[in-house]
Protein backbone atom coordinates (compact mmCIF):
# COMPACT_ATOMS: atom_id res chain seq x y z
CA MET A 1 18.39 66.67 -207.53
CA THR A 2 19.86 66.95 -203.98
CA ASP A 3 17.15 69.06 -202.40
CA ARG A 4 14.56 66.30 -202.02
CA PRO A 5 13.42 65.57 -198.55
CA PHE A 6 14.88 62.72 -196.58
CA VAL A 7 12.75 59.54 -196.58
CA SER A 8 12.87 56.72 -193.94
CA ILE A 9 11.54 53.43 -195.41
CA VAL A 10 10.34 51.01 -192.89
CA ILE A 11 9.93 47.36 -193.99
CA LEU A 12 8.12 45.06 -191.50
CA SER A 13 9.23 41.43 -191.65
CA TYR A 14 7.45 38.48 -190.08
CA ASN A 15 8.57 34.91 -190.88
CA SER A 16 9.69 36.28 -194.25
CA SER A 17 11.25 32.88 -195.14
CA LYS A 18 7.86 31.72 -196.24
CA LEU A 19 8.00 34.29 -199.03
CA GLY A 20 10.95 32.59 -200.63
CA ALA A 21 12.73 34.85 -203.35
CA ILE A 22 9.93 37.46 -203.00
CA PHE A 23 11.63 38.83 -199.73
CA SER A 24 14.95 39.15 -201.40
CA ASP A 25 13.50 40.75 -204.48
CA CYS A 26 11.72 43.18 -202.18
CA LEU A 27 14.99 44.21 -200.43
CA ASP A 28 16.84 44.36 -203.76
CA SER A 29 14.41 46.61 -205.40
CA VAL A 30 13.96 48.98 -202.37
CA LEU A 31 17.65 49.36 -201.62
CA ASN A 32 18.15 50.21 -205.32
CA THR A 33 15.54 52.99 -205.25
CA ASP A 34 16.57 55.91 -207.39
CA TYR A 35 16.26 58.66 -204.83
CA PRO A 36 19.11 60.78 -203.42
CA SER A 37 18.33 60.70 -199.61
CA PHE A 38 16.80 57.76 -197.79
CA GLU A 39 17.32 54.94 -195.37
CA VAL A 40 15.84 51.57 -194.80
CA ILE A 41 14.82 50.20 -191.52
CA LEU A 42 14.17 46.42 -191.59
CA VAL A 43 12.04 45.50 -188.61
CA ASP A 44 11.76 41.86 -187.47
CA ASN A 45 8.43 41.39 -185.78
CA ALA A 46 9.61 38.62 -183.44
CA SER A 47 9.78 36.04 -186.18
CA ALA A 48 10.22 32.35 -185.55
CA ASP A 49 12.76 32.26 -188.44
CA ASN A 50 15.98 34.28 -188.91
CA ALA A 51 15.26 35.51 -192.47
CA ALA A 52 15.29 39.24 -191.61
CA GLU A 53 18.56 39.01 -189.62
CA THR A 54 20.28 36.97 -192.29
CA ALA A 55 19.11 39.36 -195.01
CA PHE A 56 20.39 42.36 -192.95
CA GLU A 57 23.80 40.67 -192.70
CA ARG A 58 23.93 40.05 -196.34
CA TYR A 59 22.70 43.41 -197.56
CA SER A 60 24.22 45.78 -194.98
CA LYS A 61 27.75 45.07 -196.44
CA ASN A 62 26.90 47.01 -199.49
CA HIS A 63 24.20 49.37 -198.16
CA GLU A 64 25.24 51.60 -195.29
CA ASN A 65 21.77 53.11 -195.24
CA LEU A 66 20.21 49.77 -194.08
CA ARG A 67 19.37 49.43 -190.36
CA PHE A 68 17.96 46.48 -188.40
CA LEU A 69 15.51 46.38 -185.47
CA LYS A 70 14.53 43.17 -183.80
CA LEU A 71 11.41 43.03 -181.66
CA GLU A 72 10.97 40.64 -178.74
CA LYS A 73 7.21 40.39 -179.19
CA ASN A 74 4.92 40.27 -182.25
CA LEU A 75 3.25 43.63 -182.21
CA GLY A 76 1.25 43.08 -185.34
CA TYR A 77 1.36 45.34 -188.31
CA THR A 78 0.43 48.37 -186.37
CA GLY A 79 2.80 47.96 -183.32
CA GLY A 80 5.60 46.79 -185.61
CA ASN A 81 5.45 49.75 -187.76
CA ASN A 82 5.10 52.08 -184.92
CA SER A 83 8.25 50.67 -183.39
CA GLY A 84 10.02 51.22 -186.73
CA PHE A 85 8.79 54.77 -186.71
CA GLN A 86 10.44 55.28 -183.40
CA HIS A 87 13.84 54.62 -184.92
CA VAL A 88 13.71 56.81 -188.11
CA SER A 89 16.27 59.36 -188.75
CA GLU A 90 15.83 62.80 -187.13
CA LYS A 91 16.20 64.36 -190.66
CA ALA A 92 13.35 62.26 -192.16
CA GLU A 93 10.51 64.34 -193.44
CA PHE A 94 8.47 61.39 -194.90
CA VAL A 95 8.27 57.80 -193.75
CA ALA A 96 7.40 55.00 -196.27
CA PHE A 97 5.74 51.86 -194.82
CA LEU A 98 6.32 48.78 -197.10
CA ASN A 99 5.22 45.12 -196.67
CA ASP A 100 8.00 42.55 -197.06
CA ASP A 101 6.31 41.25 -200.19
CA VAL A 102 6.33 44.51 -202.23
CA ILE A 103 8.61 44.82 -205.22
CA VAL A 104 9.27 48.34 -206.46
CA SER A 105 10.62 49.90 -209.63
CA SER A 106 13.69 52.09 -209.14
CA ASP A 107 11.66 55.27 -209.76
CA TRP A 108 8.80 54.41 -207.42
CA LEU A 109 9.37 56.96 -204.68
CA LYS A 110 10.00 60.24 -206.63
CA PRO A 111 6.42 60.70 -207.94
CA LEU A 112 4.98 60.11 -204.48
CA ILE A 113 7.24 62.72 -202.78
CA ASP A 114 6.91 65.24 -205.61
CA ALA A 115 3.12 65.09 -205.35
CA SER A 116 3.30 65.58 -201.67
CA LYS A 117 5.59 68.58 -201.95
CA GLU A 118 3.16 70.17 -204.53
CA ASN A 119 0.16 69.70 -202.31
CA GLN A 120 0.80 70.34 -198.62
CA ASN A 121 -2.69 69.00 -197.74
CA ILE A 122 -1.57 65.55 -198.57
CA GLY A 123 -0.88 63.54 -195.41
CA ALA A 124 -0.61 59.96 -196.86
CA ILE A 125 0.02 58.96 -200.42
CA GLY A 126 0.72 55.77 -202.32
CA PRO A 127 0.19 53.93 -205.59
CA SER A 128 -3.30 52.71 -204.63
CA GLY A 129 -6.18 53.27 -202.54
CA SER A 130 -9.84 52.67 -201.68
CA TYR A 131 -12.98 54.59 -200.77
CA ILE A 132 -15.32 54.71 -197.87
CA ALA A 133 -19.17 54.75 -198.00
CA ARG A 134 -21.46 56.26 -195.36
CA GLY A 135 -22.17 52.82 -193.80
CA SER A 136 -18.33 52.27 -193.43
CA THR A 137 -18.09 49.81 -196.37
CA THR A 138 -14.76 50.04 -198.01
CA VAL A 139 -14.72 49.84 -201.79
CA ASN A 140 -12.04 49.30 -204.52
CA LEU A 141 -12.23 50.14 -208.08
CA SER A 142 -12.62 46.82 -209.81
CA ASN A 143 -10.51 48.36 -212.56
CA GLN A 144 -7.72 50.72 -211.14
CA ASN A 145 -6.95 51.90 -214.74
CA LEU A 146 -10.21 53.66 -214.91
CA VAL A 147 -8.57 56.75 -213.41
CA ALA A 148 -5.21 57.65 -214.79
CA PHE A 149 -4.48 60.91 -212.80
CA SER A 150 -3.63 61.63 -209.16
CA HIS A 151 -6.66 61.93 -207.04
CA SER A 152 -7.96 61.77 -203.39
CA VAL A 153 -9.08 58.52 -201.90
CA GLY A 154 -10.68 57.39 -198.47
CA TYR A 155 -7.47 55.72 -197.63
CA VAL A 156 -4.16 54.58 -199.10
CA HIS A 157 -3.38 50.80 -199.09
CA GLY A 158 -1.09 49.80 -196.39
CA HIS A 159 1.31 47.67 -198.40
CA CYS A 160 2.90 50.91 -199.71
CA LEU A 161 1.96 53.93 -197.75
CA VAL A 162 4.08 57.17 -197.69
CA ILE A 163 3.21 59.61 -194.93
CA ARG A 164 4.44 63.01 -193.54
CA ARG A 165 6.48 62.37 -190.48
CA ASN A 166 4.87 65.11 -188.47
CA ALA A 167 1.40 64.04 -189.46
CA PHE A 168 1.98 60.49 -188.47
CA ALA A 169 3.39 61.63 -185.04
CA LYS A 170 0.48 64.12 -184.55
CA VAL A 171 -2.22 61.36 -184.79
CA GLY A 172 -0.31 58.95 -182.61
CA GLY A 173 0.67 56.58 -185.41
CA PHE A 174 -1.20 53.39 -186.24
CA ASN A 175 -3.76 52.33 -183.58
CA PRO A 176 -2.06 49.49 -181.80
CA HIS A 177 -5.33 47.87 -180.78
CA ILE A 178 -6.17 47.16 -184.45
CA PHE A 179 -3.15 44.86 -184.71
CA ILE A 180 -3.57 43.96 -188.36
CA TYR A 181 -6.07 44.58 -191.30
CA GLY A 182 -8.01 47.76 -191.57
CA ASP A 183 -5.05 49.73 -189.85
CA GLU A 184 -4.50 52.12 -192.73
CA ILE A 185 -8.18 52.90 -193.02
CA ASP A 186 -8.41 54.10 -189.52
CA LEU A 187 -4.93 55.98 -189.83
CA CYS A 188 -6.02 57.81 -192.85
CA GLU A 189 -9.34 58.69 -191.34
CA ARG A 190 -7.64 60.18 -188.23
CA LEU A 191 -5.32 62.05 -190.62
CA ARG A 192 -8.50 63.54 -192.21
CA SER A 193 -9.74 64.69 -188.79
CA ILE A 194 -6.73 66.97 -188.50
CA GLY A 195 -6.83 68.40 -191.97
CA PHE A 196 -4.74 66.00 -194.14
CA ASP A 197 -5.95 64.19 -197.40
CA SER A 198 -5.08 60.88 -198.74
CA TYR A 199 -3.93 60.64 -202.30
CA VAL A 200 -2.92 58.04 -204.89
CA VAL A 201 -0.51 58.37 -207.91
CA PRO A 202 -1.85 55.61 -210.13
CA ARG A 203 0.28 53.45 -212.42
CA ASN A 204 3.19 53.99 -210.15
CA ARG A 205 5.25 50.75 -210.51
CA VAL A 206 4.84 49.02 -207.14
CA ARG A 207 3.83 45.29 -207.23
CA HIS A 208 2.37 43.55 -204.09
CA ALA A 209 3.51 40.02 -204.75
CA GLN A 210 1.17 38.32 -202.24
CA LEU A 211 1.26 34.58 -201.60
CA PRO A 212 -2.09 32.68 -202.32
CA LEU A 213 -4.48 32.83 -199.55
CA THR A 214 -4.76 29.47 -197.60
CA PRO A 215 -8.03 28.71 -195.68
CA GLU A 216 -6.23 29.47 -192.46
CA ARG A 217 -5.13 32.90 -193.78
CA VAL A 218 -8.52 33.51 -195.07
CA ALA A 219 -10.10 32.87 -191.67
CA THR A 220 -7.55 35.03 -190.01
CA LYS A 221 -8.42 37.97 -192.38
CA LEU A 222 -12.15 37.56 -191.89
CA TYR A 223 -11.64 37.54 -188.07
CA TRP A 224 -9.61 40.81 -188.01
CA ASN A 225 -11.62 42.66 -190.65
CA SER A 226 -14.84 41.73 -188.82
CA ARG A 227 -13.47 42.95 -185.49
CA ASN A 228 -11.68 45.96 -186.78
CA GLN A 229 -14.55 47.36 -188.99
CA ILE A 230 -16.52 47.81 -185.76
CA LEU A 231 -13.74 49.70 -184.02
CA PHE A 232 -13.17 51.82 -187.10
CA ALA A 233 -16.94 52.85 -187.25
CA PHE A 234 -16.92 53.71 -183.49
CA GLN A 235 -13.70 55.50 -183.80
CA ASN A 236 -14.48 57.76 -186.65
CA PHE A 237 -18.25 58.21 -187.25
CA PRO A 238 -20.51 60.47 -185.13
CA PRO A 239 -23.06 58.88 -182.73
CA GLY A 240 -26.01 59.65 -184.90
CA ALA A 241 -24.42 57.61 -187.77
CA LEU A 242 -23.38 54.63 -185.72
CA LEU A 243 -26.85 52.83 -185.78
CA ILE A 244 -26.72 52.80 -189.68
CA SER A 245 -23.14 52.01 -189.82
CA PHE A 246 -23.36 49.05 -187.32
CA SER A 247 -26.49 47.71 -189.11
CA ILE A 248 -24.59 47.73 -192.50
CA ILE A 249 -21.60 45.99 -190.91
CA LEU A 250 -23.77 43.36 -189.29
CA LEU A 251 -25.71 42.72 -192.47
CA ASN A 252 -22.44 42.35 -194.38
CA ARG A 253 -21.20 39.95 -191.77
CA ALA A 254 -24.43 37.93 -191.88
CA LYS A 255 -24.13 37.75 -195.73
CA HIS A 256 -20.64 36.31 -195.42
CA ILE A 257 -21.73 33.87 -192.83
CA ILE A 258 -24.49 32.58 -194.99
CA SER A 259 -22.22 32.31 -198.01
CA SER A 260 -19.53 30.48 -195.95
CA ALA A 261 -22.13 28.11 -194.58
CA PHE A 262 -23.38 27.25 -198.07
CA ALA A 263 -19.70 26.57 -198.98
CA LYS A 264 -19.53 24.38 -195.82
CA ASN A 265 -16.64 26.57 -194.52
CA ALA A 266 -17.25 26.35 -190.71
CA ARG A 267 -13.83 27.93 -190.08
CA ALA A 268 -14.78 31.12 -191.94
CA CYS A 269 -18.21 31.39 -190.12
CA LEU A 270 -16.57 31.04 -186.73
CA ALA A 271 -13.88 33.51 -187.62
CA ILE A 272 -16.57 36.12 -188.54
CA VAL A 273 -18.57 35.55 -185.50
CA ASN A 274 -15.61 35.64 -183.08
CA GLY A 275 -14.12 38.64 -184.75
CA SER A 276 -17.55 40.63 -184.56
CA LEU A 277 -17.98 39.64 -180.98
CA ASN A 278 -14.49 40.70 -180.00
CA GLY A 279 -14.96 44.00 -181.89
CA ILE A 280 -18.11 44.72 -179.79
CA ALA A 281 -16.28 43.70 -176.59
CA GLN A 282 -13.26 45.94 -177.36
CA ILE A 283 -15.14 48.87 -178.82
CA ARG A 284 -14.04 51.30 -176.10
CA LYS A 285 -10.64 49.93 -175.35
CA GLY A 286 -9.74 49.60 -178.99
CA THR A 287 -10.24 53.26 -180.02
CA MET A 288 -7.87 56.28 -179.74
CA PRO A 289 -9.57 59.26 -178.25
CA GLY A 290 -9.10 62.88 -179.19
CA TYR A 291 -9.94 62.93 -182.99
CA GLY A 292 -12.92 64.65 -184.63
CA ARG A 293 -15.62 62.32 -186.15
CA ARG A 294 -16.53 62.74 -189.79
CA SER A 295 -19.91 64.32 -190.53
CA PHE A 296 -22.36 61.74 -192.09
CA GLU A 297 -23.05 64.24 -194.83
CA ASP A 298 -19.45 64.70 -195.79
CA PRO A 299 -19.55 64.66 -199.63
CA SER A 300 -16.34 62.77 -199.87
CA LEU A 301 -18.05 59.63 -198.50
CA LEU A 302 -19.70 57.45 -201.07
CA PRO A 303 -23.50 57.27 -200.73
CA ILE A 304 -25.40 54.74 -198.65
CA SER A 305 -26.58 53.01 -201.69
CA VAL A 306 -23.12 51.66 -202.12
CA ASP A 307 -23.31 49.93 -198.78
CA LEU A 308 -26.66 48.46 -199.66
CA LEU A 309 -25.33 47.20 -203.04
CA HIS A 310 -22.68 45.41 -201.12
CA VAL A 311 -25.15 43.86 -198.81
CA VAL A 312 -27.61 42.58 -201.46
CA LEU A 313 -25.29 41.60 -204.35
CA PRO A 314 -22.17 39.42 -204.76
CA GLY A 315 -19.04 41.57 -204.18
CA ARG A 316 -17.68 41.37 -207.76
CA ILE A 317 -20.95 42.59 -209.14
CA ALA A 318 -21.31 45.28 -206.53
CA ARG A 319 -17.86 46.57 -207.20
CA GLN A 320 -18.44 46.84 -210.86
CA MET A 321 -21.77 48.71 -210.39
CA VAL A 322 -20.23 51.37 -208.13
CA ASP A 323 -17.25 51.98 -210.42
CA SER A 324 -19.28 54.61 -212.21
CA ILE A 325 -20.11 56.26 -208.92
CA ILE A 326 -16.49 56.43 -207.92
CA VAL A 327 -15.19 57.60 -211.20
CA GLY A 328 -17.90 60.41 -211.39
CA LYS A 329 -16.95 61.56 -207.90
CA ILE A 330 -13.17 61.73 -208.65
CA SER A 331 -13.74 63.37 -212.07
CA GLY A 332 -16.17 65.88 -210.43
CA LYS A 333 -13.60 66.89 -207.93
CA ARG A 334 -10.91 67.33 -210.53
CA SER A 335 -13.10 69.61 -212.70
CA ASN A 336 -13.94 71.77 -209.61
């Protein structure tokens, strides 16, 4: 089929040598995608190694649709992908953002593009996503196989996110102030504010082959998540909802600090405190003006009880308890 829209695939690389064979498996799988019209842009986010450049020299010999962009400064996930977007082909209708540790099946792209063509309201789509509650808590299904059909979500996970090019440009791309973690949540929320939905096509064969989390990486993730959740709430919720949202966020942060303290993990405690304080300090600078805020009564948001469950219960138990809420909401939308 030759009338499929052209897709630019952006793969952001940062010190990818640490991934070992995963990085080459990623490039092998993406370059062998069974799709008639696509390009791959490999972006080196100012890495200390030369893994991306070496890979480009190796793969470009047999793949003319592979291009390379080297950045002089680490711009984070957001800035790195925004830079890649600036170099996509003029004929691209869709852009796919992939992590450098994602391994895809040959037929991964077609279902995502076909679903987007069938539903023009879809702005972002991917193989997995999560949901947003009214206090800004983000929630995954503990078992993704509970829902076997395509459906809307709060946001698409950023390791594999396909988006309409015009929609991405219209909202100004990823928020560069977020840098990393939570970036896709903010992007999909701003897409919603201009009329686009976020969808997932479950059981699409895309594997996120993440390395095990080290204590240092855990602390880094806690810092950025603590910071960026505050920026997200201020960016996307109306003033009347911010008191509740910020209260939920701070209660959740306090819960994590207490659990980290009991585990004698001072690094994690410090990361949460510093991230939260930085989020408050950057609250105006770190947001992008000009987008509508979501009504607190929006029925697509999960109820405030979901936020409270995550405050008072261990994360795993809370996720299992809200599965029925999520599945009921998704099934209800489908029946309507």
